[in-house]
Amino acid sequence: MIGAGAMGGATVEGFIKSEFFQNEDITVSDPSLKVVEKFAQQGVCATTENAVAAQGADVVMVCVKPWLVEQVLMSIKDSLAPQNQVLVVIAAGVKSESIRGWLGEQCPPLFLCIPNIAIAQLQSMTFLVPCVAASQQQIELVKNIFEQLGQVIITDEQHLAAGTTLASCGIAYAMRYIRAAAEGGVELGFKADDAKQIVMQTVEGAVKLLEASGLHPEAAIDLVTTPGGVTIKGLNEMEHAGFTSAVIRGLKAGLK
């Protein structure tokens, strides 16, 4: 793993928790000595040299800010072994065509990948795009790795931006709802910590119910709304304030 900032660090934490790899089989590269020391203390190989991390790795993952991808790839170009490695780039908005252009003949079979920060808790929704030259065996390998860290959807490059706003940005949108509902709970008379716990458990319960039943969310809502009841009144007030429209507009804004 090259780059252990927020997303890269969360991914490494997920690998450690999943026990899919032995810690000593994971190599992390980051310019921060603090980050290097943190993972070294957990038995992970850690270095500040990107080329060292890439040398001999079966799977090379580059997880940095989009504007740093070219710089980092060029720093490891001579360490890549296209016949023996796969390359996974975790960076929003970076095109496969650009990556292949930067690396040329040194580009291994390539995957674009967008997880979300719940990957640290093995609960990511990860989008994976196999690019040209990735074999079916390699696709299964990379998919299997990320399935240890949550759920995986194989998609195409055209839909990756939509997946990013729906799941990677979307986890922040979900947290904003939790914050808003918890603040509402305080106004209703609960202590802040209690309100947050109530809302989190309620959201988790909603997810579990939908998973177990397979119901469309609106069908599940119908089960808890009664004519003239408080639930439908609350839902209608939220819709009057533009709840659904605001969510959709926020998601679409992430594509711009």
C-alpha atoms as a PDB file:
ATOM      1  CA  MET A   1       0.000   0.000   0.000  1.00  0.00           C
ATOM      2  CA  ILE A   2       1.531   3.260  -1.133  1.00  0.00           C
ATOM      3  CA  GLY A   3      -0.040   6.182   0.682  1.00  0.00           C
ATOM      4  CA  ALA A   4      -1.512   5.736   4.150  1.00  0.00           C
ATOM      5  CA  GLY A   5      -3.502   8.915   4.583  1.00  0.00           C
ATOM      6  CA  ALA A   6      -7.146   8.719   5.616  1.00  0.00           C
ATOM      7  CA  MET A   7      -8.290   6.214   2.992  1.00  0.00           C
ATOM      8  CA  GLY A   8      -5.001   4.363   2.629  1.00  0.00           C
ATOM      9  CA  GLY A   9      -4.634   4.079   6.386  1.00  0.00           C
ATOM     10  CA  ALA A  10      -8.226   2.883   6.733  1.00  0.00           C
ATOM     11  CA  THR A  11      -7.567   0.229   4.083  1.00  0.00           C
ATOM     12  CA  VAL A  12      -4.488  -1.043   5.881  1.00  0.00           C
ATOM     13  CA  GLU A  13      -6.420  -1.129   9.166  1.00  0.00           C
ATOM     14  CA  GLY A  14      -9.037  -3.213   7.398  1.00  0.00           C
ATOM     15  CA  PHE A  15      -6.406  -5.635   6.115  1.00  0.00           C
ATOM     16  CA  ILE A  16      -5.051  -6.045   9.627  1.00  0.00           C
ATOM     17  CA  LYS A  17      -8.485  -6.664  11.141  1.00  0.00           C
ATOM     18  CA  SER A  18      -9.557  -9.061   8.392  1.00  0.00           C
ATOM     19  CA  GLU A  19      -6.618 -11.400   9.059  1.00  0.00           C
ATOM     20  CA  PHE A  20      -6.742 -12.246   5.349  1.00  0.00           C
ATOM     21  CA  PHE A  21      -3.051 -11.370   5.184  1.00  0.00           C
ATOM     22  CA  GLN A  22      -0.311 -11.887   7.699  1.00  0.00           C
ATOM     23  CA  ASN A  23       0.773  -8.463   8.935  1.00  0.00           C
ATOM     24  CA  GLU A  24       4.331  -9.089   7.804  1.00  0.00           C
ATOM     25  CA  ASP A  25       3.051  -9.646   4.240  1.00  0.00           C
ATOM     26  CA  ILE A  26       1.704  -6.085   4.107  1.00  0.00           C
ATOM     27  CA  THR A  27       4.056  -3.254   3.182  1.00  0.00           C
ATOM     28  CA  VAL A  28       3.034   0.366   3.729  1.00  0.00           C
ATOM     29  CA  SER A  29       4.805   3.365   2.285  1.00  0.00           C
ATOM     30  CA  ASP A  30       4.117   6.885   3.537  1.00  0.00           C
ATOM     31  CA  PRO A  31       6.260  10.041   3.831  1.00  0.00           C
ATOM     32  CA  SER A  32       5.148  10.523   7.440  1.00  0.00           C
ATOM     33  CA  LEU A  33       7.415   8.851   9.991  1.00  0.00           C
ATOM     34  CA  LYS A  34       4.514   8.930  12.441  1.00  0.00           C
ATOM     35  CA  VAL A  35       2.418   6.795  10.090  1.00  0.00           C
ATOM     36  CA  VAL A  36       5.331   4.466   9.367  1.00  0.00           C
ATOM     37  CA  GLU A  37       5.975   3.943  13.081  1.00  0.00           C
ATOM     38  CA  LYS A  38       2.268   3.365  13.773  1.00  0.00           C
ATOM     39  CA  PHE A  39       2.030   0.460  11.338  1.00  0.00           C
ATOM     40  CA  ALA A  40       5.500  -0.895  12.130  1.00  0.00           C
ATOM     41  CA  GLN A  41       4.362  -1.321  15.737  1.00  0.00           C
ATOM     42  CA  GLN A  42       1.592  -3.599  14.453  1.00  0.00           C
ATOM     43  CA  GLY A  43       4.030  -5.864  12.651  1.00  0.00           C
ATOM     44  CA  VAL A  44       3.439  -4.346   9.211  1.00  0.00           C
ATOM     45  CA  CYS A  45       6.461  -3.680   6.997  1.00  0.00           C
ATOM     46  CA  ALA A  46       6.666   0.094   6.733  1.00  0.00           C
ATOM     47  CA  THR A  47       8.883   2.465   4.796  1.00  0.00           C
ATOM     48  CA  THR A  48       9.060   6.024   3.519  1.00  0.00           C
ATOM     49  CA  GLU A  49      10.311   4.796   0.109  1.00  0.00           C
ATOM     50  CA  ASN A  50       7.575   4.106  -2.442  1.00  0.00           C
ATOM     51  CA  ALA A  51       9.877   2.099  -4.694  1.00  0.00           C
ATOM     52  CA  VAL A  52      10.781  -0.215  -1.802  1.00  0.00           C
ATOM     53  CA  ALA A  53       7.098  -0.913  -1.129  1.00  0.00           C
ATOM     54  CA  ALA A  54       6.392  -1.684  -4.785  1.00  0.00           C
ATOM     55  CA  GLN A  55       9.425  -3.906  -5.331  1.00  0.00           C
ATOM     56  CA  GLY A  56       8.381  -7.546  -5.453  1.00  0.00           C
ATOM     57  CA  ALA A  57       4.792  -6.987  -4.310  1.00  0.00           C
ATOM     58  CA  ASP A  58       2.113  -9.197  -5.840  1.00  0.00           C
ATOM     59  CA  VAL A  59      -0.487  -6.418  -5.597  1.00  0.00           C
ATOM     60  CA  VAL A  60       0.578  -2.772  -5.635  1.00  0.00           C
ATOM     61  CA  MET A  61      -2.043  -0.372  -4.275  1.00  0.00           C
ATOM     62  CA  VAL A  62      -1.622   3.358  -4.745  1.00  0.00           C
ATOM     63  CA  CYS A  63      -3.949   5.358  -2.521  1.00  0.00           C
ATOM     64  CA  VAL A  64      -3.157   9.075  -2.601  1.00  0.00           C
ATOM     65  CA  LYS A  65      -4.909  12.327  -3.470  1.00  0.00           C
ATOM     66  CA  PRO A  66      -5.765  12.462  -7.189  1.00  0.00           C
ATOM     67  CA  TRP A  67      -3.257  15.209  -7.952  1.00  0.00           C
ATOM     68  CA  LEU A  68      -0.439  13.071  -6.519  1.00  0.00           C
ATOM     69  CA  VAL A  69      -1.131   9.915  -8.518  1.00  0.00           C
ATOM     70  CA  GLU A  70       1.132  10.736 -11.469  1.00  0.00           C
ATOM     71  CA  GLN A  71       4.010  11.745  -9.185  1.00  0.00           C
ATOM     72  CA  VAL A  72       3.724   8.579  -7.099  1.00  0.00           C
ATOM     73  CA  LEU A  73       3.381   6.290 -10.108  1.00  0.00           C
ATOM     74  CA  MET A  74       6.473   7.791 -11.688  1.00  0.00           C
ATOM     75  CA  SER A  75       8.378   7.199  -8.437  1.00  0.00           C
ATOM     76  CA  ILE A  76       7.636   3.459  -8.610  1.00  0.00           C
ATOM     77  CA  LYS A  77       7.635   2.966 -12.381  1.00  0.00           C
ATOM     78  CA  ASP A  78      11.035   1.269 -12.490  1.00  0.00           C
ATOM     79  CA  SER A  79      10.064  -1.042  -9.610  1.00  0.00           C
ATOM     80  CA  LEU A  80       6.967  -2.429 -11.306  1.00  0.00           C
ATOM     81  CA  ALA A  81       6.928  -5.878 -12.884  1.00  0.00           C
ATOM     82  CA  PRO A  82       4.010  -5.969 -15.341  1.00  0.00           C
ATOM     83  CA  GLN A  83       4.222  -9.734 -15.818  1.00  0.00           C
ATOM     84  CA  ASN A  84       4.033 -10.534 -12.110  1.00  0.00           C
ATOM     85  CA  GLN A  85       1.977  -7.780 -10.467  1.00  0.00           C
ATOM     86  CA  VAL A  86      -1.386  -6.093 -10.550  1.00  0.00           C
ATOM     87  CA  LEU A  87      -1.829  -2.386  -9.874  1.00  0.00           C
ATOM     88  CA  VAL A  88      -4.785  -0.984  -7.934  1.00  0.00           C
ATOM     89  CA  VAL A  89      -5.243   2.786  -7.965  1.00  0.00           C
ATOM     90  CA  ILE A  90      -7.540   4.242  -5.315  1.00  0.00           C
ATOM     91  CA  ALA A  91      -8.087   7.879  -6.281  1.00  0.00           C
ATOM     92  CA  ALA A  92     -11.293   9.576  -7.404  1.00  0.00           C
ATOM     93  CA  GLY A  93     -11.410  10.968 -10.914  1.00  0.00           C
ATOM     94  CA  VAL A  94      -8.129   9.520 -12.212  1.00  0.00           C
ATOM     95  CA  LYS A  95      -8.640   7.888 -15.603  1.00  0.00           C
ATOM     96  CA  SER A  96      -7.162   4.552 -16.620  1.00  0.00           C
ATOM     97  CA  GLU A  97      -6.042   6.095 -19.903  1.00  0.00           C
ATOM     98  CA  SER A  98      -3.928   8.614 -17.984  1.00  0.00           C
ATOM     99  CA  ILE A  99      -2.364   5.903 -15.830  1.00  0.00           C
ATOM    100  CA  ARG A 100      -1.443   3.772 -18.835  1.00  0.00           C
ATOM    101  CA  GLY A 101      -0.037   6.867 -20.520  1.00  0.00           C
ATOM    102  CA  TRP A 102       2.194   7.659 -17.536  1.00  0.00           C
ATOM    103  CA  LEU A 103       3.473   4.103 -17.115  1.00  0.00           C
ATOM    104  CA  GLY A 104       3.588   2.937 -20.717  1.00  0.00           C
ATOM    105  CA  GLU A 105       4.929  -0.606 -21.048  1.00  0.00           C
ATOM    106  CA  GLN A 106       5.600  -0.674 -17.304  1.00  0.00           C
ATOM    107  CA  CYS A 107       1.876  -0.626 -16.514  1.00  0.00           C
ATOM    108  CA  PRO A 108       0.762  -3.905 -14.909  1.00  0.00           C
ATOM    109  CA  PRO A 109      -2.824  -5.150 -15.251  1.00  0.00           C
ATOM    110  CA  LEU A 110      -4.773  -2.234 -13.795  1.00  0.00           C
ATOM    111  CA  PHE A 111      -7.741  -1.805 -11.483  1.00  0.00           C
ATOM    112  CA  LEU A 112      -9.442   1.413 -10.467  1.00  0.00           C
ATOM    113  CA  CYS A 113     -10.959   1.145  -7.006  1.00  0.00           C
ATOM    114  CA  ILE A 114     -13.163   3.353  -4.839  1.00  0.00           C
ATOM    115  CA  PRO A 115     -13.930   2.116  -1.293  1.00  0.00           C
ATOM    116  CA  ASN A 116     -15.243   4.215   1.585  1.00  0.00           C
ATOM    117  CA  ILE A 117     -13.775   4.826   5.025  1.00  0.00           C
ATOM    118  CA  ALA A 118     -15.867   2.067   6.601  1.00  0.00           C
ATOM    119  CA  ILE A 119     -13.241  -0.218   5.070  1.00  0.00           C
ATOM    120  CA  ALA A 120     -11.392   0.147   8.377  1.00  0.00           C
ATOM    121  CA  GLN A 121     -14.311  -1.702  10.035  1.00  0.00           C
ATOM    122  CA  LEU A 122     -14.670  -4.283   7.232  1.00  0.00           C
ATOM    123  CA  GLN A 123     -17.883  -2.563   6.107  1.00  0.00           C
ATOM    124  CA  SER A 124     -16.871  -0.772   2.922  1.00  0.00           C
ATOM    125  CA  MET A 125     -18.989  -0.501  -0.199  1.00  0.00           C
ATOM    126  CA  THR A 126     -16.216  -0.819  -2.763  1.00  0.00           C
ATOM    127  CA  PHE A 127     -16.429  -0.217  -6.507  1.00  0.00           C
ATOM    128  CA  LEU A 128     -13.878  -2.050  -8.626  1.00  0.00           C
ATOM    129  CA  VAL A 129     -13.110  -1.439 -12.295  1.00  0.00           C
ATOM    130  CA  PRO A 130     -10.925  -4.028 -14.074  1.00  0.00           C
ATOM    131  CA  CYS A 131      -9.157  -2.258 -16.906  1.00  0.00           C
ATOM    132  CA  VAL A 132      -7.576  -3.587 -20.072  1.00  0.00           C
ATOM    133  CA  ALA A 133      -5.177  -6.515 -19.587  1.00  0.00           C
ATOM    134  CA  ALA A 134      -6.690  -7.780 -16.319  1.00  0.00           C
ATOM    135  CA  SER A 135      -7.367 -11.509 -16.588  1.00  0.00           C
ATOM    136  CA  GLN A 136     -10.350 -13.254 -15.016  1.00  0.00           C
ATOM    137  CA  GLN A 137      -8.030 -14.819 -12.455  1.00  0.00           C
ATOM    138  CA  GLN A 138      -6.662 -11.407 -11.516  1.00  0.00           C
ATOM    139  CA  ILE A 139     -10.164  -9.961 -11.302  1.00  0.00           C
ATOM    140  CA  GLU A 140     -11.149 -12.727  -8.887  1.00  0.00           C
ATOM    141  CA  LEU A 141      -7.982 -12.148  -6.852  1.00  0.00           C
ATOM    142  CA  VAL A 142      -8.536  -8.417  -6.381  1.00  0.00           C
ATOM    143  CA  LYS A 143     -12.280  -8.847  -5.832  1.00  0.00           C
ATOM    144  CA  ASN A 144     -11.585 -11.462  -3.160  1.00  0.00           C
ATOM    145  CA  ILE A 145      -9.173  -9.120  -1.379  1.00  0.00           C
ATOM    146  CA  PHE A 146     -11.734  -6.327  -1.109  1.00  0.00           C
ATOM    147  CA  GLU A 147     -14.549  -8.721  -0.209  1.00  0.00           C
ATOM    148  CA  GLN A 148     -12.683  -9.280   3.057  1.00  0.00           C
ATOM    149  CA  LEU A 149     -13.294  -5.597   3.765  1.00  0.00           C
ATOM    150  CA  GLY A 150     -17.002  -5.285   2.963  1.00  0.00           C
ATOM    151  CA  GLN A 151     -19.080  -5.604  -0.184  1.00  0.00           C
ATOM    152  CA  VAL A 152     -17.754  -5.223  -3.725  1.00  0.00           C
ATOM    153  CA  ILE A 153     -19.418  -4.224  -6.978  1.00  0.00           C
ATOM    154  CA  ILE A 154     -17.592  -4.784 -10.251  1.00  0.00           C
ATOM    155  CA  THR A 155     -18.483  -1.917 -12.548  1.00  0.00           C
ATOM    156  CA  ASP A 156     -17.153   0.007 -15.529  1.00  0.00           C
ATOM    157  CA  GLU A 157     -15.175   3.215 -15.583  1.00  0.00           C
ATOM    158  CA  GLN A 158     -18.170   5.185 -16.831  1.00  0.00           C
ATOM    159  CA  HIS A 159     -20.090   4.472 -13.596  1.00  0.00           C
ATOM    160  CA  LEU A 160     -17.221   4.941 -11.167  1.00  0.00           C
ATOM    161  CA  ALA A 161     -17.986   8.605 -10.484  1.00  0.00           C
ATOM    162  CA  ALA A 162     -21.592   7.723  -9.680  1.00  0.00           C
ATOM    163  CA  GLY A 163     -20.414   4.994  -7.329  1.00  0.00           C
ATOM    164  CA  THR A 164     -18.070   7.468  -5.675  1.00  0.00           C
ATOM    165  CA  THR A 165     -20.802   9.969  -4.845  1.00  0.00           C
ATOM    166  CA  LEU A 166     -23.293   7.268  -3.841  1.00  0.00           C
ATOM    167  CA  ALA A 167     -21.042   5.288  -1.482  1.00  0.00           C
ATOM    168  CA  SER A 168     -17.745   7.050  -0.843  1.00  0.00           C
ATOM    169  CA  CYS A 169     -19.254  10.526  -0.449  1.00  0.00           C
ATOM    170  CA  GLY A 170     -22.500   8.872   0.569  1.00  0.00           C
ATOM    171  CA  ILE A 171     -21.154   7.666   3.892  1.00  0.00           C
ATOM    172  CA  ALA A 172     -20.690  11.322   4.857  1.00  0.00           C
ATOM    173  CA  TYR A 173     -24.264  12.051   3.796  1.00  0.00           C
ATOM    174  CA  ALA A 174     -25.489   9.198   5.991  1.00  0.00           C
ATOM    175  CA  MET A 175     -23.494  10.590   8.907  1.00  0.00           C
ATOM    176  CA  ARG A 176     -25.021  14.017   8.322  1.00  0.00           C
ATOM    177  CA  TYR A 177     -28.495  12.464   8.702  1.00  0.00           C
ATOM    178  CA  ILE A 178     -27.377  10.794  11.926  1.00  0.00           C
ATOM    179  CA  ARG A 179     -26.051  14.109  13.214  1.00  0.00           C
ATOM    180  CA  ALA A 180     -29.262  15.932  12.288  1.00  0.00           C
ATOM    181  CA  ALA A 181     -31.487  13.286  13.877  1.00  0.00           C
ATOM    182  CA  ALA A 182     -29.331  13.222  17.021  1.00  0.00           C
ATOM    183  CA  GLU A 183     -29.611  17.009  17.326  1.00  0.00           C
ATOM    184  CA  GLY A 184     -33.349  16.602  16.964  1.00  0.00           C
ATOM    185  CA  GLY A 185     -33.238  14.034  19.752  1.00  0.00           C
ATOM    186  CA  VAL A 186     -31.561  16.573  22.033  1.00  0.00           C
ATOM    187  CA  GLU A 187     -34.330  19.051  21.271  1.00  0.00           C
ATOM    188  CA  LEU A 188     -36.820  16.338  22.190  1.00  0.00           C
ATOM    189  CA  GLY A 189     -35.169  15.981  25.584  1.00  0.00           C
ATOM    190  CA  PHE A 190     -32.497  13.293  25.321  1.00  0.00           C
ATOM    191  CA  LYS A 191     -28.883  13.772  26.324  1.00  0.00           C
ATOM    192  CA  ALA A 192     -26.568  14.137  23.309  1.00  0.00           C
ATOM    193  CA  ASP A 193     -24.812  10.770  23.687  1.00  0.00           C
ATOM    194  CA  ASP A 194     -28.098   8.963  24.235  1.00  0.00           C
ATOM    195  CA  ALA A 195     -29.660  10.644  21.206  1.00  0.00           C
ATOM    196  CA  LYS A 196     -26.721   9.626  19.012  1.00  0.00           C
ATOM    197  CA  GLN A 197     -26.912   6.017  20.213  1.00  0.00           C
ATOM    198  CA  ILE A 198     -30.664   5.899  19.602  1.00  0.00           C
ATOM    199  CA  VAL A 199     -30.287   7.198  16.054  1.00  0.00           C
ATOM    200  CA  MET A 200     -27.355   4.914  15.195  1.00  0.00           C
ATOM    201  CA  GLN A 201     -29.217   1.838  16.407  1.00  0.00           C
ATOM    202  CA  THR A 202     -32.322   2.933  14.520  1.00  0.00           C
ATOM    203  CA  VAL A 203     -30.376   3.339  11.281  1.00  0.00           C
ATOM    204  CA  GLU A 204     -28.655  -0.023  11.780  1.00  0.00           C
ATOM    205  CA  GLY A 205     -32.030  -1.623  12.441  1.00  0.00           C
ATOM    206  CA  ALA A 206     -33.458  -0.148   9.245  1.00  0.00           C
ATOM    207  CA  VAL A 207     -30.568  -1.602   7.232  1.00  0.00           C
ATOM    208  CA  LYS A 208     -30.938  -5.037   8.821  1.00  0.00           C
ATOM    209  CA  LEU A 209     -34.682  -5.078   8.155  1.00  0.00           C
ATOM    210  CA  LEU A 210     -34.197  -4.200   4.500  1.00  0.00           C
ATOM    211  CA  GLU A 211     -31.476  -6.827   4.119  1.00  0.00           C
ATOM    212  CA  ALA A 212     -33.592  -9.526   5.757  1.00  0.00           C
ATOM    213  CA  SER A 213     -36.855  -8.736   3.986  1.00  0.00           C
ATOM    214  CA  GLY A 214     -35.630  -7.665   0.563  1.00  0.00           C
ATOM    215  CA  LEU A 215     -38.351  -5.024   0.603  1.00  0.00           C
ATOM    216  CA  HIS A 216     -38.108  -1.746  -1.271  1.00  0.00           C
ATOM    217  CA  PRO A 217     -37.620   1.009   1.337  1.00  0.00           C
ATOM    218  CA  GLU A 218     -41.017   2.532   0.517  1.00  0.00           C
ATOM    219  CA  ALA A 219     -42.744  -0.813   1.084  1.00  0.00           C
ATOM    220  CA  ALA A 220     -40.994  -1.114   4.448  1.00  0.00           C
ATOM    221  CA  ILE A 221     -42.051   2.447   5.323  1.00  0.00           C
ATOM    222  CA  ASP A 222     -45.663   1.462   4.641  1.00  0.00           C
ATOM    223  CA  LEU A 223     -45.378  -1.152   7.394  1.00  0.00           C
ATOM    224  CA  VAL A 224     -44.766   1.514  10.038  1.00  0.00           C
ATOM    225  CA  THR A 225     -47.115   4.231   8.841  1.00  0.00           C
ATOM    226  CA  THR A 226     -50.748   4.255   9.880  1.00  0.00           C
ATOM    227  CA  PRO A 227     -53.474   6.584   8.614  1.00  0.00           C
ATOM    228  CA  GLY A 228     -53.301   9.836  10.532  1.00  0.00           C
ATOM    229  CA  GLY A 229     -50.334   8.563  12.557  1.00  0.00           C
ATOM    230  CA  VAL A 230     -47.255  10.399  13.744  1.00  0.00           C
ATOM    231  CA  THR A 231     -44.877   8.636  11.318  1.00  0.00           C
ATOM    232  CA  ILE A 232     -46.634   9.821   8.163  1.00  0.00           C
ATOM    233  CA  LYS A 233     -46.910  13.318   9.607  1.00  0.00           C
ATOM    234  CA  GLY A 234     -43.184  13.386  10.256  1.00  0.00           C
ATOM    235  CA  LEU A 235     -42.352  12.014   6.811  1.00  0.00           C
ATOM    236  CA  ASN A 236     -44.580  14.570   5.114  1.00  0.00           C
ATOM    237  CA  GLU A 237     -42.966  17.430   7.024  1.00  0.00           C
ATOM    238  CA  MET A 238     -39.548  16.229   5.878  1.00  0.00           C
ATOM    239  CA  GLU A 239     -40.758  16.029   2.281  1.00  0.00           C
ATOM    240  CA  HIS A 240     -42.259  19.541   2.522  1.00  0.00           C
ATOM    241  CA  ALA A 241     -38.748  20.674   3.463  1.00  0.00           C
ATOM    242  CA  GLY A 242     -37.360  18.914   0.384  1.00  0.00           C
ATOM    243  CA  PHE A 243     -35.761  15.870   2.038  1.00  0.00           C
ATOM    244  CA  THR A 244     -35.712  13.508  -0.958  1.00  0.00           C
ATOM    245  CA  SER A 245     -34.916  16.283  -3.407  1.00  0.00           C
ATOM    246  CA  ALA A 246     -32.046  17.509  -1.231  1.00  0.00           C
ATOM    247  CA  VAL A 247     -30.517  14.023  -1.075  1.00  0.00           C
ATOM    248  CA  ILE A 248     -30.729  13.537  -4.837  1.00  0.00           C
ATOM    249  CA  ARG A 249     -29.353  17.013  -5.537  1.00  0.00           C
ATOM    250  CA  GLY A 250     -26.460  16.352  -3.155  1.00  0.00           C
ATOM    251  CA  LEU A 251     -25.633  13.087  -4.907  1.00  0.00           C
ATOM    252  CA  LYS A 252     -25.762  14.703  -8.344  1.00  0.00           C
ATOM    253  CA  ALA A 253     -23.585  17.579  -7.141  1.00  0.00           C
ATOM    254  CA  GLY A 254     -20.863  15.021  -6.405  1.00  0.00           C
ATOM    255  CA  LEU A 255     -20.646  14.247 -10.129  1.00  0.00           C
ATOM    256  CA  LYS A 256     -19.679  17.809 -11.055  1.00  0.00           C
END
